[in-house]
């Protein structure tokens, strides 16, 4: 009604609407499917090795793709088995456990 100039002020403009939740993904890969995807990476090539490392981090930690993009070498603590997850503009976030290279989840 305000758009059509029937009233001067929208009485609902000050209302705060509840946030709608986002649905979780319905299609989740099985462990066998993830293993097949990882096998597609050519470990003899630097790009393939990089891709495999990214896939391993995503799968073993559950962190988001943007969190992987923001990872720096000094965010890894291999001796403690932790990855520092950065949030926002350089803020330090939680530590995420990761599994050691070569250790397969059952």
PDB file of N, CA and C in Angstrom:
ATOM      1  N   UNK A   1       0.814  -1.187   0.000  1.00  0.00           N
ATOM      2  CA  UNK A   1       0.000   0.000   0.000  1.00  0.00           C
ATOM      3  C   UNK A   1       0.869   1.266   0.000  1.00  0.00           C
ATOM      4  N   UNK A   2       2.054   1.175   0.648  1.00  0.00           N
ATOM      5  CA  UNK A   2       2.938   2.341   0.622  1.00  0.00           C
ATOM      6  C   UNK A   2       3.488   2.570  -0.782  1.00  0.00           C
ATOM      7  N   UNK A   3       3.735   1.496  -1.522  1.00  0.00           N
ATOM      8  CA  UNK A   3       4.238   1.643  -2.890  1.00  0.00           C
ATOM      9  C   UNK A   3       3.218   2.324  -3.802  1.00  0.00           C
ATOM     10  N   UNK A   4       1.972   2.082  -3.522  1.00  0.00           N
ATOM     11  CA  UNK A   4       0.925   2.678  -4.351  1.00  0.00           C
ATOM     12  C   UNK A   4       0.371   3.960  -3.724  1.00  0.00           C
ATOM     13  N   UNK A   5       1.046   4.454  -2.671  1.00  0.00           N
ATOM     14  CA  UNK A   5       0.713   5.711  -2.001  1.00  0.00           C
ATOM     15  C   UNK A   5      -0.667   5.740  -1.349  1.00  0.00           C
ATOM     16  N   UNK A   6      -1.136   4.571  -0.872  1.00  0.00           N
ATOM     17  CA  UNK A   6      -2.375   4.554  -0.100  1.00  0.00           C
ATOM     18  C   UNK A   6      -2.109   4.940   1.356  1.00  0.00           C
ATOM     19  N   UNK A   7      -0.913   4.590   1.838  1.00  0.00           N
ATOM     20  CA  UNK A   7      -0.498   5.004   3.185  1.00  0.00           C
ATOM     21  C   UNK A   7       0.919   5.567   3.085  1.00  0.00           C
ATOM     22  N   UNK A   8       1.285   6.426   4.042  1.00  0.00           N
ATOM     23  CA  UNK A   8       2.588   7.083   3.998  1.00  0.00           C
ATOM     24  C   UNK A   8       3.713   6.223   4.544  1.00  0.00           C
ATOM     25  N   UNK A   9       3.408   5.396   5.540  1.00  0.00           N
ATOM     26  CA  UNK A   9       4.449   4.620   6.219  1.00  0.00           C
ATOM     27  C   UNK A   9       4.017   3.165   6.332  1.00  0.00           C
ATOM     28  N   UNK A  10       4.937   2.277   6.071  1.00  0.00           N
ATOM     29  CA  UNK A  10       4.669   0.849   6.184  1.00  0.00           C
ATOM     30  C   UNK A  10       4.771   0.448   7.653  1.00  0.00           C
ATOM     31  N   UNK A  11       3.677   0.062   8.302  1.00  0.00           N
ATOM     32  CA  UNK A  11       3.727  -0.292   9.719  1.00  0.00           C
ATOM     33  C   UNK A  11       4.542  -1.562   9.996  1.00  0.00           C
ATOM     34  N   UNK A  12       4.762  -2.368   9.002  1.00  0.00           N
ATOM     35  CA  UNK A  12       5.514  -3.614   9.193  1.00  0.00           C
ATOM     36  C   UNK A  12       7.007  -3.434   8.938  1.00  0.00           C
ATOM     37  N   UNK A  13       7.448  -2.235   8.568  1.00  0.00           N
ATOM     38  CA  UNK A  13       8.850  -2.033   8.213  1.00  0.00           C
ATOM     39  C   UNK A  13       9.789  -2.208   9.402  1.00  0.00           C
ATOM     40  N   UNK A  14       9.309  -2.034  10.604  1.00  0.00           N
ATOM     41  CA  UNK A  14      10.147  -2.171  11.798  1.00  0.00           C
ATOM     42  C   UNK A  14      10.159  -3.597  12.355  1.00  0.00           C
ATOM     43  N   UNK A  15       9.351  -4.470  11.809  1.00  0.00           N
ATOM     44  CA  UNK A  15       9.289  -5.850  12.299  1.00  0.00           C
ATOM     45  C   UNK A  15      10.547  -6.613  11.889  1.00  0.00           C
ATOM     46  N   UNK A  16      11.027  -7.433  12.803  1.00  0.00           N
ATOM     47  CA  UNK A  16      12.160  -8.302  12.490  1.00  0.00           C
ATOM     48  C   UNK A  16      11.623  -9.691  12.199  1.00  0.00           C
ATOM     49  N   UNK A  17      11.851 -10.147  10.997  1.00  0.00           N
ATOM     50  CA  UNK A  17      11.353 -11.462  10.598  1.00  0.00           C
ATOM     51  C   UNK A  17      12.295 -12.559  11.063  1.00  0.00           C
ATOM     52  N   UNK A  18      11.743 -13.723  11.421  1.00  0.00           N
ATOM     53  CA  UNK A  18      12.622 -14.826  11.830  1.00  0.00           C
ATOM     54  C   UNK A  18      13.433 -15.325  10.644  1.00  0.00           C
ATOM     55  N   UNK A  19      14.659 -15.747  10.932  1.00  0.00           N
ATOM     56  CA  UNK A  19      15.508 -16.297   9.867  1.00  0.00           C
ATOM     57  C   UNK A  19      15.076 -17.722   9.574  1.00  0.00           C
ATOM     58  N   UNK A  20      15.014 -18.025   8.313  1.00  0.00           N
ATOM     59  CA  UNK A  20      14.658 -19.377   7.902  1.00  0.00           C
ATOM     60  C   UNK A  20      15.910 -20.242   7.888  1.00  0.00           C
ATOM     61  N   UNK A  21      15.800 -21.439   8.412  1.00  0.00           N
ATOM     62  CA  UNK A  21      16.928 -22.366   8.413  1.00  0.00           C
ATOM     63  C   UNK A  21      17.206 -22.884   7.015  1.00  0.00           C
ATOM     64  N   UNK A  22      18.440 -23.262   6.798  1.00  0.00           N
ATOM     65  CA  UNK A  22      18.814 -23.824   5.510  1.00  0.00           C
ATOM     66  C   UNK A  22      18.817 -25.336   5.618  1.00  0.00           C
ATOM     67  N   UNK A  23      18.309 -25.988   4.601  1.00  0.00           N
ATOM     68  CA  UNK A  23      18.242 -27.443   4.591  1.00  0.00           C
ATOM     69  C   UNK A  23      19.630 -28.034   4.374  1.00  0.00           C
ATOM     70  N   UNK A  24      19.890 -29.138   5.028  1.00  0.00           N
ATOM     71  CA  UNK A  24      21.152 -29.846   4.825  1.00  0.00           C
ATOM     72  C   UNK A  24      21.140 -30.529   3.464  1.00  0.00           C
ATOM     73  N   UNK A  25      22.318 -30.761   2.891  1.00  0.00           N
ATOM     74  CA  UNK A  25      22.363 -31.441   1.591  1.00  0.00           C
ATOM     75  C   UNK A  25      21.734 -32.823   1.677  1.00  0.00           C
ATOM     76  N   UNK A  26      20.996 -33.180   0.627  1.00  0.00           N
ATOM     77  CA  UNK A  26      20.323 -34.478   0.615  1.00  0.00           C
ATOM     78  C   UNK A  26      21.205 -35.565   0.033  1.00  0.00           C
ATOM     79  N   UNK A  27      22.090 -35.192  -0.881  1.00  0.00           N
ATOM     80  CA  UNK A  27      22.956 -36.171  -1.525  1.00  0.00           C
ATOM     81  C   UNK A  27      24.342 -36.105  -0.902  1.00  0.00           C
ATOM     82  N   UNK A  28      24.666 -37.100  -0.118  1.00  0.00           N
ATOM     83  CA  UNK A  28      25.963 -37.156   0.545  1.00  0.00           C
ATOM     84  C   UNK A  28      26.705 -38.373  -0.004  1.00  0.00           C
ATOM     85  N   UNK A  29      27.981 -38.171  -0.347  1.00  0.00           N
ATOM     86  CA  UNK A  29      28.770 -39.270  -0.888  1.00  0.00           C
ATOM     87  C   UNK A  29      29.041 -40.326   0.172  1.00  0.00           C
ATOM     88  N   UNK A  30      29.053 -41.572  -0.250  1.00  0.00           N
ATOM     89  CA  UNK A  30      29.472 -42.666   0.636  1.00  0.00           C
ATOM     90  C   UNK A  30      31.002 -42.653   0.709  1.00  0.00           C
ATOM     91  N   UNK A  31      31.553 -43.390   1.660  1.00  0.00           N
ATOM     92  CA  UNK A  31      33.015 -43.469   1.795  1.00  0.00           C
ATOM     93  C   UNK A  31      33.641 -44.052   0.525  1.00  0.00           C
ATOM     94  N   UNK A  32      32.971 -45.033  -0.085  1.00  0.00           N
ATOM     95  CA  UNK A  32      33.491 -45.637  -1.318  1.00  0.00           C
ATOM     96  C   UNK A  32      33.482 -44.630  -2.469  1.00  0.00           C
ATOM     97  N   UNK A  33      32.437 -43.805  -2.551  1.00  0.00           N
ATOM     98  CA  UNK A  33      32.371 -42.795  -3.603  1.00  0.00           C
ATOM     99  C   UNK A  33      33.461 -41.743  -3.416  1.00  0.00           C
ATOM    100  N   UNK A  34      33.697 -41.340  -2.178  1.00  0.00           N
ATOM    101  CA  UNK A  34      34.756 -40.366  -1.898  1.00  0.00           C
ATOM    102  C   UNK A  34      36.109 -40.955  -2.278  1.00  0.00           C
ATOM    103  N   UNK A  35      36.327 -42.205  -1.951  1.00  0.00           N
ATOM    104  CA  UNK A  35      37.596 -42.860  -2.292  1.00  0.00           C
ATOM    105  C   UNK A  35      37.792 -42.899  -3.798  1.00  0.00           C
ATOM    106  N   UNK A  36      36.718 -43.191  -4.548  1.00  0.00           N
ATOM    107  CA  UNK A  36      36.822 -43.203  -6.012  1.00  0.00           C
ATOM    108  C   UNK A  36      37.159 -41.820  -6.563  1.00  0.00           C
ATOM    109  N   UNK A  37      36.571 -40.787  -5.987  1.00  0.00           N
ATOM    110  CA  UNK A  37      36.863 -39.414  -6.421  1.00  0.00           C
ATOM    111  C   UNK A  37      38.328 -39.086  -6.149  1.00  0.00           C
ATOM    112  N   UNK A  38      38.816 -39.476  -4.975  1.00  0.00           N
ATOM    113  CA  UNK A  38      40.207 -39.184  -4.624  1.00  0.00           C
ATOM    114  C   UNK A  38      41.184 -39.933  -5.515  1.00  0.00           C
ATOM    115  N   UNK A  39      40.800 -41.111  -5.973  1.00  0.00           N
ATOM    116  CA  UNK A  39      41.667 -41.896  -6.852  1.00  0.00           C
ATOM    117  C   UNK A  39      41.830 -41.243  -8.222  1.00  0.00           C
ATOM    118  N   UNK A  40      40.935 -40.315  -8.570  1.00  0.00           N
ATOM    119  CA  UNK A  40      41.023 -39.636  -9.861  1.00  0.00           C
ATOM    120  C   UNK A  40      42.173 -38.635  -9.920  1.00  0.00           C
ATOM    121  N   UNK A  41      42.693 -38.231  -8.767  1.00  0.00           N
ATOM    122  CA  UNK A  41      43.793 -37.272  -8.726  1.00  0.00           C
ATOM    123  C   UNK A  41      45.098 -37.960  -9.117  1.00  0.00           C
ATOM    124  N   UNK A  42      45.819 -37.357 -10.052  1.00  0.00           N
ATOM    125  CA  UNK A  42      47.104 -37.887 -10.498  1.00  0.00           C
ATOM    126  C   UNK A  42      48.179 -37.450  -9.506  1.00  0.00           C
ATOM    127  N   UNK A  43      48.626 -38.372  -8.642  1.00  0.00           N
ATOM    128  CA  UNK A  43      49.601 -38.041  -7.613  1.00  0.00           C
ATOM    129  C   UNK A  43      51.013 -37.841  -8.164  1.00  0.00           C
ATOM    130  N   UNK A  44      51.213 -38.132  -9.432  1.00  0.00           N
ATOM    131  CA  UNK A  44      52.499 -37.886 -10.075  1.00  0.00           C
ATOM    132  C   UNK A  44      52.612 -36.461 -10.609  1.00  0.00           C
ATOM    133  N   UNK A  45      51.548 -35.708 -10.504  1.00  0.00           N
ATOM    134  CA  UNK A  45      51.480 -34.337 -11.011  1.00  0.00           C
ATOM    135  C   UNK A  45      51.263 -33.397  -9.827  1.00  0.00           C
ATOM    136  N   UNK A  46      51.887 -32.222  -9.843  1.00  0.00           N
ATOM    137  CA  UNK A  46      51.756 -31.296  -8.713  1.00  0.00           C
ATOM    138  C   UNK A  46      50.314 -30.815  -8.537  1.00  0.00           C
ATOM    139  N   UNK A  47      49.595 -30.609  -9.632  1.00  0.00           N
ATOM    140  CA  UNK A  47      48.193 -30.184  -9.545  1.00  0.00           C
ATOM    141  C   UNK A  47      47.344 -31.310  -8.957  1.00  0.00           C
ATOM    142  N   UNK A  48      47.589 -32.524  -9.396  1.00  0.00           N
ATOM    143  CA  UNK A  48      46.854 -33.672  -8.862  1.00  0.00           C
ATOM    144  C   UNK A  48      47.136 -33.880  -7.387  1.00  0.00           C
ATOM    145  N   UNK A  49      48.382 -33.683  -6.981  1.00  0.00           N
ATOM    146  CA  UNK A  49      48.754 -33.809  -5.575  1.00  0.00           C
ATOM    147  C   UNK A  49      48.069 -32.730  -4.743  1.00  0.00           C
ATOM    148  N   UNK A  50      48.037 -31.504  -5.271  1.00  0.00           N
ATOM    149  CA  UNK A  50      47.336 -30.407  -4.586  1.00  0.00           C
ATOM    150  C   UNK A  50      45.852 -30.715  -4.441  1.00  0.00           C
ATOM    151  N   UNK A  51      45.236 -31.181  -5.536  1.00  0.00           N
ATOM    152  CA  UNK A  51      43.807 -31.499  -5.512  1.00  0.00           C
ATOM    153  C   UNK A  51      43.499 -32.596  -4.504  1.00  0.00           C
ATOM    154  N   UNK A  52      44.353 -33.608  -4.449  1.00  0.00           N
ATOM    155  CA  UNK A  52      44.160 -34.709  -3.500  1.00  0.00           C
ATOM    156  C   UNK A  52      44.269 -34.202  -2.070  1.00  0.00           C
ATOM    157  N   UNK A  53      45.229 -33.324  -1.813  1.00  0.00           N
ATOM    158  CA  UNK A  53      45.391 -32.763  -0.467  1.00  0.00           C
ATOM    159  C   UNK A  53      44.155 -31.964  -0.067  1.00  0.00           C
ATOM    160  N   UNK A  54      43.617 -31.178  -0.986  1.00  0.00           N
ATOM    161  CA  UNK A  54      42.408 -30.405  -0.697  1.00  0.00           C
ATOM    162  C   UNK A  54      41.238 -31.330  -0.402  1.00  0.00           C
ATOM    163  N   UNK A  55      41.065 -32.358  -1.227  1.00  0.00           N
ATOM    164  CA  UNK A  55      39.980 -33.310  -1.006  1.00  0.00           C
ATOM    165  C   UNK A  55      40.122 -34.024   0.339  1.00  0.00           C
ATOM    166  N   UNK A  56      41.350 -34.413   0.676  1.00  0.00           N
ATOM    167  CA  UNK A  56      41.596 -35.082   1.958  1.00  0.00           C
ATOM    168  C   UNK A  56      41.232 -34.174   3.133  1.00  0.00           C
ATOM    169  N   UNK A  57      41.613 -32.898   3.047  1.00  0.00           N
ATOM    170  CA  UNK A  57      41.306 -31.949   4.122  1.00  0.00           C
ATOM    171  C   UNK A  57      39.797 -31.757   4.237  1.00  0.00           C
ATOM    172  N   UNK A  58      39.129 -31.558   3.103  1.00  0.00           N
ATOM    173  CA  UNK A  58      37.675 -31.384   3.127  1.00  0.00           C
ATOM    174  C   UNK A  58      36.981 -32.592   3.739  1.00  0.00           C
ATOM    175  N   UNK A  59      37.379 -33.784   3.307  1.00  0.00           N
ATOM    176  CA  UNK A  59      36.715 -35.004   3.761  1.00  0.00           C
ATOM    177  C   UNK A  59      37.027 -35.328   5.219  1.00  0.00           C
ATOM    178  N   UNK A  60      38.271 -35.162   5.621  1.00  0.00           N
ATOM    179  CA  UNK A  60      38.656 -35.596   6.966  1.00  0.00           C
ATOM    180  C   UNK A  60      38.285 -34.595   8.055  1.00  0.00           C
ATOM    181  N   UNK A  61      38.076 -33.325   7.705  1.00  0.00           N
ATOM    182  CA  UNK A  61      37.767 -32.324   8.729  1.00  0.00           C
ATOM    183  C   UNK A  61      36.342 -31.811   8.668  1.00  0.00           C
ATOM    184  N   UNK A  62      35.740 -31.799   7.492  1.00  0.00           N
ATOM    185  CA  UNK A  62      34.396 -31.259   7.348  1.00  0.00           C
ATOM    186  C   UNK A  62      34.358 -29.741   7.289  1.00  0.00           C
ATOM    187  N   UNK A  63      35.529 -29.096   7.112  1.00  0.00           N
ATOM    188  CA  UNK A  63      35.521 -27.639   7.035  1.00  0.00           C
ATOM    189  C   UNK A  63      34.973 -27.194   5.683  1.00  0.00           C
ATOM    190  N   UNK A  64      34.579 -25.953   5.604  1.00  0.00           N
ATOM    191  CA  UNK A  64      33.980 -25.404   4.386  1.00  0.00           C
ATOM    192  C   UNK A  64      35.052 -25.087   3.345  1.00  0.00           C
ATOM    193  N   UNK A  65      34.611 -25.007   2.095  1.00  0.00           N
ATOM    194  CA  UNK A  65      35.569 -24.758   1.004  1.00  0.00           C
ATOM    195  C   UNK A  65      36.247 -23.405   1.154  1.00  0.00           C
ATOM    196  N   UNK A  66      35.538 -22.388   1.610  1.00  0.00           N
ATOM    197  CA  UNK A  66      36.170 -21.081   1.804  1.00  0.00           C
ATOM    198  C   UNK A  66      37.196 -21.127   2.933  1.00  0.00           C
ATOM    199  N   UNK A  67      36.962 -21.987   3.920  1.00  0.00           N
ATOM    200  CA  UNK A  67      37.934 -22.138   5.002  1.00  0.00           C
ATOM    201  C   UNK A  67      39.197 -22.815   4.485  1.00  0.00           C
ATOM    202  N   UNK A  68      39.047 -23.737   3.547  1.00  0.00           N
ATOM    203  CA  UNK A  68      40.217 -24.381   2.930  1.00  0.00           C
ATOM    204  C   UNK A  68      40.990 -23.358   2.107  1.00  0.00           C
ATOM    205  N   UNK A  69      40.276 -22.511   1.372  1.00  0.00           N
ATOM    206  CA  UNK A  69      40.931 -21.494   0.545  1.00  0.00           C
ATOM    207  C   UNK A  69      41.768 -20.558   1.410  1.00  0.00           C
ATOM    208  N   UNK A  70      41.288 -20.248   2.618  1.00  0.00           N
ATOM    209  CA  UNK A  70      41.988 -19.311   3.501  1.00  0.00           C
ATOM    210  C   UNK A  70      43.135 -19.954   4.291  1.00  0.00           C
ATOM    211  N   UNK A  71      43.285 -21.274   4.215  1.00  0.00           N
ATOM    212  CA  UNK A  71      44.339 -21.941   4.983  1.00  0.00           C
ATOM    213  C   UNK A  71      45.725 -21.471   4.556  1.00  0.00           C
ATOM    214  N   UNK A  72      46.572 -21.278   5.523  1.00  0.00           N
ATOM    215  CA  UNK A  72      47.985 -20.966   5.298  1.00  0.00           C
ATOM    216  C   UNK A  72      48.802 -22.094   5.920  1.00  0.00           C
ATOM    217  N   UNK A  73      50.024 -22.239   5.486  1.00  0.00           N
ATOM    218  CA  UNK A  73      50.878 -23.301   5.992  1.00  0.00           C
ATOM    219  C   UNK A  73      51.022 -23.230   7.505  1.00  0.00           C
ATOM    220  N   UNK A  74      51.141 -22.006   8.058  1.00  0.00           N
ATOM    221  CA  UNK A  74      51.316 -21.853   9.500  1.00  0.00           C
ATOM    222  C   UNK A  74      50.025 -22.119  10.281  1.00  0.00           C
ATOM    223  N   UNK A  75      48.890 -22.385   9.593  1.00  0.00           N
ATOM    224  CA  UNK A  75      47.648 -22.771  10.268  1.00  0.00           C
ATOM    225  C   UNK A  75      47.641 -24.257  10.614  1.00  0.00           C
ATOM    226  N   UNK A  76      48.608 -25.002  10.090  1.00  0.00           N
ATOM    227  CA  UNK A  76      48.682 -26.441  10.339  1.00  0.00           C
ATOM    228  C   UNK A  76      49.620 -26.727  11.496  1.00  0.00           C
ATOM    229  N   UNK A  77      49.165 -27.571  12.404  1.00  0.00           N
ATOM    230  CA  UNK A  77      50.007 -28.058  13.483  1.00  0.00           C
ATOM    231  C   UNK A  77      50.042 -29.580  13.357  1.00  0.00           C
ATOM    232  N   UNK A  78      50.961 -30.070  12.535  1.00  0.00           N
ATOM    233  CA  UNK A  78      51.018 -31.503  12.248  1.00  0.00           C
ATOM    234  C   UNK A  78      51.358 -32.323  13.477  1.00  0.00           C
ATOM    235  N   UNK A  79      52.221 -31.795  14.360  1.00  0.00           N
ATOM    236  CA  UNK A  79      52.600 -32.552  15.552  1.00  0.00           C
ATOM    237  C   UNK A  79      51.424 -32.707  16.524  1.00  0.00           C
ATOM    238  N   UNK A  80      50.512 -31.728  16.549  1.00  0.00           N
ATOM    239  CA  UNK A  80      49.337 -31.812  17.419  1.00  0.00           C
ATOM    240  C   UNK A  80      48.109 -32.320  16.681  1.00  0.00           C
ATOM    241  N   UNK A  81      48.209 -32.444  15.354  1.00  0.00           N
ATOM    242  CA  UNK A  81      47.080 -32.928  14.561  1.00  0.00           C
ATOM    243  C   UNK A  81      45.935 -31.941  14.497  1.00  0.00           C
ATOM    244  N   UNK A  82      46.241 -30.631  14.394  1.00  0.00           N
ATOM    245  CA  UNK A  82      45.218 -29.599  14.392  1.00  0.00           C
ATOM    246  C   UNK A  82      45.385 -28.657  13.204  1.00  0.00           C
ATOM    247  N   UNK A  83      44.257 -28.092  12.780  1.00  0.00           N
ATOM    248  CA  UNK A  83      44.239 -27.047  11.761  1.00  0.00           C
ATOM    249  C   UNK A  83      43.521 -25.852  12.365  1.00  0.00           C
ATOM    250  N   UNK A  84      44.125 -24.675  12.276  1.00  0.00           N
ATOM    251  CA  UNK A  84      43.483 -23.448  12.741  1.00  0.00           C
ATOM    252  C   UNK A  84      42.567 -22.947  11.631  1.00  0.00           C
ATOM    253  N   UNK A  85      41.284 -22.798  11.950  1.00  0.00           N
ATOM    254  CA  UNK A  85      40.303 -22.342  10.977  1.00  0.00           C
ATOM    255  C   UNK A  85      40.113 -20.845  11.154  1.00  0.00           C
ATOM    256  N   UNK A  86      40.364 -20.096  10.095  1.00  0.00           N
ATOM    257  CA  UNK A  86      40.204 -18.635  10.147  1.00  0.00           C
ATOM    258  C   UNK A  86      38.796 -18.260   9.718  1.00  0.00           C
ATOM    259  N   UNK A  87      38.263 -17.246  10.379  1.00  0.00           N
ATOM    260  CA  UNK A  87      36.914 -16.779  10.058  1.00  0.00           C
ATOM    261  C   UNK A  87      36.973 -15.306   9.717  1.00  0.00           C
ATOM    262  N   UNK A  88      36.103 -14.883   8.832  1.00  0.00           N
ATOM    263  CA  UNK A  88      35.993 -13.466   8.507  1.00  0.00           C
ATOM    264  C   UNK A  88      37.291 -12.902   7.969  1.00  0.00           C
ATOM    265  N   UNK A  89      37.612 -11.687   8.394  1.00  0.00           N
ATOM    266  CA  UNK A  89      38.800 -10.990   7.894  1.00  0.00           C
ATOM    267  C   UNK A  89      39.973 -11.198   8.836  1.00  0.00           C
ATOM    268  N   UNK A  90      40.560 -12.372   8.789  1.00  0.00           N
ATOM    269  CA  UNK A  90      41.747 -12.647   9.576  1.00  0.00           C
ATOM    270  C   UNK A  90      41.496 -13.021  11.021  1.00  0.00           C
ATOM    271  N   UNK A  91      40.232 -13.140  11.430  1.00  0.00           N
ATOM    272  CA  UNK A  91      39.950 -13.546  12.803  1.00  0.00           C
ATOM    273  C   UNK A  91      40.361 -14.997  13.002  1.00  0.00           C
ATOM    274  N   UNK A  92      40.845 -15.295  14.183  1.00  0.00           N
ATOM    275  CA  UNK A  92      41.219 -16.677  14.474  1.00  0.00           C
ATOM    276  C   UNK A  92      39.978 -17.419  14.928  1.00  0.00           C
ATOM    277  N   UNK A  93      39.806 -18.604  14.414  1.00  0.00           N
ATOM    278  CA  UNK A  93      38.638 -19.401  14.734  1.00  0.00           C
ATOM    279  C   UNK A  93      39.026 -20.642  15.511  1.00  0.00           C
ATOM    280  N   UNK A  94      38.175 -21.647  15.469  1.00  0.00           N
ATOM    281  CA  UNK A  94      38.421 -22.862  16.233  1.00  0.00           C
ATOM    282  C   UNK A  94      39.530 -23.710  15.618  1.00  0.00           C
ATOM    283  N   UNK A  95      40.058 -24.602  16.436  1.00  0.00           N
ATOM    284  CA  UNK A  95      41.016 -25.588  15.958  1.00  0.00           C
ATOM    285  C   UNK A  95      40.233 -26.823  15.556  1.00  0.00           C
ATOM    286  N   UNK A  96      40.570 -27.383  14.418  1.00  0.00           N
ATOM    287  CA  UNK A  96      39.869 -28.544  13.897  1.00  0.00           C
ATOM    288  C   UNK A  96      40.849 -29.716  13.839  1.00  0.00           C
ATOM    289  N   UNK A  97      40.507 -30.851  14.461  1.00  0.00           N
ATOM    290  CA  UNK A  97      41.415 -32.002  14.364  1.00  0.00           C
ATOM    291  C   UNK A  97      41.425 -32.560  12.945  1.00  0.00           C
ATOM    292  N   UNK A  98      42.565 -33.044  12.534  1.00  0.00           N
ATOM    293  CA  UNK A  98      42.661 -33.694  11.238  1.00  0.00           C
ATOM    294  C   UNK A  98      43.354 -35.019  11.428  1.00  0.00           C
ATOM    295  N   UNK A  99      43.115 -35.932  10.500  1.00  0.00           N
ATOM    296  CA  UNK A  99      43.788 -37.226  10.595  1.00  0.00           C
ATOM    297  C   UNK A  99      45.125 -37.144   9.879  1.00  0.00           C
ATOM    298  N   UNK A 100      46.050 -37.933  10.302  1.00  0.00           N
ATOM    299  CA  UNK A 100      47.395 -37.904   9.741  1.00  0.00           C
ATOM    300  C   UNK A 100      47.406 -38.475   8.328  1.00  0.00           C
ATOM    301  N   UNK A 101      48.336 -37.998   7.512  1.00  0.00           N
ATOM    302  CA  UNK A 101      48.475 -38.483   6.141  1.00  0.00           C
ATOM    303  C   UNK A 101      48.761 -39.977   6.159  1.00  0.00           C
ATOM    304  N   UNK A 102      48.115 -40.686   5.270  1.00  0.00           N
ATOM    305  CA  UNK A 102      48.316 -42.119   5.168  1.00  0.00           C
ATOM    306  C   UNK A 102      47.395 -42.926   6.068  1.00  0.00           C
ATOM    307  N   UNK A 103      46.729 -42.287   7.022  1.00  0.00           N
ATOM    308  CA  UNK A 103      45.817 -42.980   7.917  1.00  0.00           C
ATOM    309  C   UNK A 103      44.429 -42.961   7.308  1.00  0.00           C
ATOM    310  N   UNK A 104      43.883 -44.096   7.026  1.00  0.00           N
ATOM    311  CA  UNK A 104      42.573 -44.204   6.393  1.00  0.00           C
ATOM    312  C   UNK A 104      41.479 -44.392   7.430  1.00  0.00           C
ATOM    313  N   UNK A 105      40.365 -43.723   7.201  1.00  0.00           N
ATOM    314  CA  UNK A 105      39.204 -43.925   8.074  1.00  0.00           C
ATOM    315  C   UNK A 105      38.482 -45.165   7.615  1.00  0.00           C
ATOM    316  N   UNK A 106      37.954 -45.924   8.543  1.00  0.00           N
ATOM    317  CA  UNK A 106      37.239 -47.148   8.184  1.00  0.00           C
ATOM    318  C   UNK A 106      35.800 -46.845   7.830  1.00  0.00           C
TER     319      UNK A 106
END
